Each structure stands twice: as C-alpha cells, then as structure tokens.
Amino acid sequence: MADLQPSINSPCIGLCAVNDDNICIGCYRSLQEIGTWLQLDDKSKTQILANCHDRKAALNNA
C-alpha cells in the first residue's frame, strides 16, 4: 500500500539568490540540497532543515 503521509515541504520562500558560499539567502539550503530535495526521504529533509536553521543562526550572528 502507498505511503499516505505527506512528505516534508520545501522551505523555499521564493527569495532565490545565493551568497558567496552558494547558500540560498531565502531558505539557507545549498545548491546541492535544493537540486536534490525532491528525491530525498523525510529523514534527509529533516537533517537539511536542521542545517538550514544552524546556517541562518550563524549568518545572522556574524
């Protein structure tokens, strides 16, 4: 039977531009993370979202 649980949605907010480190300034994902998002399982997406949270905090505290 198919998995009926919804997948984790993309954190994209439509502000799509990358900084010098190739991190999106809108969602804080790397270009690789953005490019592979649709192929990832929820565990991987959850880890990326945690990484995004850490990147956002680090950039805002810099």
N, C-alpha and C. Protein backbone atom coordinates (compact mmCIF):
# COMPACT_ATOMS: atom_id res chain seq x y z
N MET A 1 0.83 -1.18 0.00
CA MET A 1 0.00 0.00 0.00
C MET A 1 0.88 1.24 0.00
N ALA A 2 0.46 2.28 -0.67
CA ALA A 2 1.24 3.51 -0.79
C ALA A 2 1.28 4.24 0.55
N ASP A 3 2.37 4.94 0.78
CA ASP A 3 2.53 5.74 1.99
C ASP A 3 1.64 6.98 1.85
N LEU A 4 0.70 7.15 2.78
CA LEU A 4 -0.24 8.26 2.69
C LEU A 4 0.21 9.48 3.48
N GLN A 5 1.34 9.37 4.19
CA GLN A 5 1.83 10.51 4.94
C GLN A 5 2.43 11.53 3.97
N PRO A 6 2.09 12.81 4.16
CA PRO A 6 2.66 13.82 3.28
C PRO A 6 4.16 13.97 3.53
N SER A 7 4.88 14.25 2.47
CA SER A 7 6.30 14.49 2.58
C SER A 7 6.54 15.87 3.17
N ILE A 8 7.73 16.10 3.64
CA ILE A 8 8.09 17.41 4.19
C ILE A 8 8.19 18.41 3.05
N ASN A 9 7.52 19.53 3.21
CA ASN A 9 7.51 20.56 2.17
C ASN A 9 8.84 21.29 2.09
N SER A 10 9.14 21.79 0.93
CA SER A 10 10.32 22.59 0.70
C SER A 10 10.26 23.86 1.55
N PRO A 11 11.40 24.29 2.10
CA PRO A 11 11.42 25.53 2.86
C PRO A 11 11.53 26.78 1.99
N CYS A 12 11.47 26.61 0.68
CA CYS A 12 11.60 27.74 -0.25
C CYS A 12 10.57 28.81 0.06
N ILE A 13 11.02 30.08 0.10
CA ILE A 13 10.11 31.19 0.33
C ILE A 13 10.05 32.11 -0.90
N GLY A 14 10.64 31.66 -1.99
CA GLY A 14 10.59 32.43 -3.23
C GLY A 14 11.62 33.55 -3.31
N LEU A 15 12.55 33.60 -2.38
CA LEU A 15 13.64 34.58 -2.41
C LEU A 15 14.89 33.81 -2.80
N CYS A 16 15.02 33.57 -4.10
CA CYS A 16 16.02 32.63 -4.60
C CYS A 16 17.24 33.36 -5.15
N ALA A 17 18.24 33.44 -4.30
CA ALA A 17 19.54 34.01 -4.68
C ALA A 17 20.55 33.40 -3.73
N VAL A 18 21.76 33.16 -4.22
CA VAL A 18 22.76 32.54 -3.37
C VAL A 18 23.85 33.53 -2.99
N ASN A 19 24.44 33.29 -1.82
CA ASN A 19 25.55 34.12 -1.37
C ASN A 19 26.86 33.57 -1.92
N ASP A 20 27.97 34.10 -1.45
CA ASP A 20 29.29 33.68 -1.94
C ASP A 20 29.61 32.22 -1.61
N ASP A 21 28.91 31.65 -0.64
CA ASP A 21 29.12 30.25 -0.26
C ASP A 21 28.12 29.32 -0.94
N ASN A 22 27.39 29.83 -1.94
CA ASN A 22 26.36 29.07 -2.65
C ASN A 22 25.26 28.55 -1.74
N ILE A 23 24.89 29.39 -0.76
CA ILE A 23 23.77 29.12 0.14
C ILE A 23 22.67 30.11 -0.21
N CYS A 24 21.46 29.59 -0.39
CA CYS A 24 20.34 30.45 -0.72
C CYS A 24 20.05 31.41 0.43
N ILE A 25 19.88 32.68 0.13
CA ILE A 25 19.61 33.67 1.17
C ILE A 25 18.15 33.66 1.62
N GLY A 26 17.31 32.89 0.95
CA GLY A 26 15.91 32.79 1.35
C GLY A 26 15.64 31.60 2.26
N CYS A 27 16.15 30.43 1.88
CA CYS A 27 15.84 29.21 2.64
C CYS A 27 17.06 28.61 3.33
N TYR A 28 18.25 29.10 3.03
CA TYR A 28 19.50 28.67 3.65
C TYR A 28 19.92 27.24 3.27
N ARG A 29 19.41 26.76 2.12
CA ARG A 29 19.88 25.47 1.60
C ARG A 29 21.01 25.71 0.62
N SER A 30 21.87 24.71 0.48
CA SER A 30 22.92 24.77 -0.53
C SER A 30 22.31 24.47 -1.89
N LEU A 31 23.03 24.78 -2.94
CA LEU A 31 22.53 24.47 -4.28
C LEU A 31 22.30 22.97 -4.46
N GLN A 32 23.18 22.16 -3.89
CA GLN A 32 23.02 20.71 -3.99
C GLN A 32 21.75 20.27 -3.24
N GLU A 33 21.51 20.82 -2.07
CA GLU A 33 20.32 20.47 -1.30
C GLU A 33 19.05 20.86 -2.04
N ILE A 34 19.07 22.01 -2.67
CA ILE A 34 17.92 22.46 -3.45
C ILE A 34 17.68 21.51 -4.63
N GLY A 35 18.76 21.17 -5.32
CA GLY A 35 18.66 20.34 -6.51
C GLY A 35 18.20 18.92 -6.25
N THR A 36 18.48 18.40 -5.07
CA THR A 36 18.12 17.01 -4.77
C THR A 36 16.88 16.88 -3.88
N TRP A 37 16.29 17.98 -3.46
CA TRP A 37 15.19 17.96 -2.49
C TRP A 37 14.09 16.96 -2.84
N LEU A 38 13.63 16.96 -4.06
CA LEU A 38 12.50 16.11 -4.44
C LEU A 38 12.83 14.62 -4.39
N GLN A 39 14.10 14.25 -4.45
CA GLN A 39 14.50 12.85 -4.41
C GLN A 39 14.80 12.34 -3.00
N LEU A 40 14.83 13.23 -2.02
CA LEU A 40 15.24 12.87 -0.67
C LEU A 40 14.09 12.30 0.15
N ASP A 41 14.46 11.43 1.10
CA ASP A 41 13.46 10.92 2.04
C ASP A 41 13.28 11.95 3.17
N ASP A 42 12.26 11.74 3.98
CA ASP A 42 11.95 12.71 5.03
C ASP A 42 13.06 12.83 6.07
N LYS A 43 13.78 11.76 6.34
CA LYS A 43 14.89 11.82 7.29
C LYS A 43 15.97 12.77 6.78
N SER A 44 16.29 12.67 5.50
CA SER A 44 17.29 13.56 4.90
C SER A 44 16.80 15.00 4.87
N LYS A 45 15.53 15.19 4.55
CA LYS A 45 14.96 16.54 4.53
C LYS A 45 14.98 17.17 5.92
N THR A 46 14.69 16.37 6.93
CA THR A 46 14.72 16.87 8.31
C THR A 46 16.12 17.31 8.69
N GLN A 47 17.13 16.56 8.26
CA GLN A 47 18.51 16.94 8.55
C GLN A 47 18.88 18.23 7.83
N ILE A 48 18.44 18.38 6.59
CA ILE A 48 18.71 19.61 5.84
C ILE A 48 18.04 20.80 6.53
N LEU A 49 16.82 20.63 6.98
CA LEU A 49 16.13 21.72 7.67
C LEU A 49 16.87 22.12 8.95
N ALA A 50 17.44 21.15 9.66
CA ALA A 50 18.25 21.46 10.84
C ALA A 50 19.50 22.23 10.43
N ASN A 51 20.13 21.80 9.33
CA ASN A 51 21.31 22.52 8.82
C ASN A 51 20.95 23.95 8.44
N CYS A 52 19.79 24.13 7.83
CA CYS A 52 19.33 25.47 7.43
C CYS A 52 19.16 26.36 8.65
N HIS A 53 18.57 25.80 9.69
CA HIS A 53 18.37 26.56 10.93
C HIS A 53 19.73 27.01 11.49
N ASP A 54 20.69 26.10 11.50
CA ASP A 54 22.03 26.43 12.00
C ASP A 54 22.71 27.48 11.13
N ARG A 55 22.57 27.35 9.80
CA ARG A 55 23.18 28.33 8.89
C ARG A 55 22.56 29.71 9.09
N LYS A 56 21.26 29.75 9.21
CA LYS A 56 20.57 31.03 9.41
C LYS A 56 21.06 31.69 10.68
N ALA A 57 21.14 30.93 11.77
CA ALA A 57 21.61 31.48 13.04
C ALA A 57 23.05 31.98 12.92
N ALA A 58 23.90 31.20 12.27
CA ALA A 58 25.30 31.59 12.12
C ALA A 58 25.45 32.86 11.28
N LEU A 59 24.69 32.94 10.19
CA LEU A 59 24.79 34.12 9.33
C LEU A 59 24.21 35.36 9.98
N ASN A 60 23.18 35.19 10.78
CA ASN A 60 22.57 36.34 11.45
C ASN A 60 23.40 36.82 12.64
N ASN A 61 24.27 35.95 13.15
CA ASN A 61 25.13 36.32 14.27
C ASN A 61 26.52 36.76 13.82
N ALA A 62 26.77 36.71 12.53
CA ALA A 62 28.10 37.06 12.01
C ALA A 62 28.30 38.55 11.95
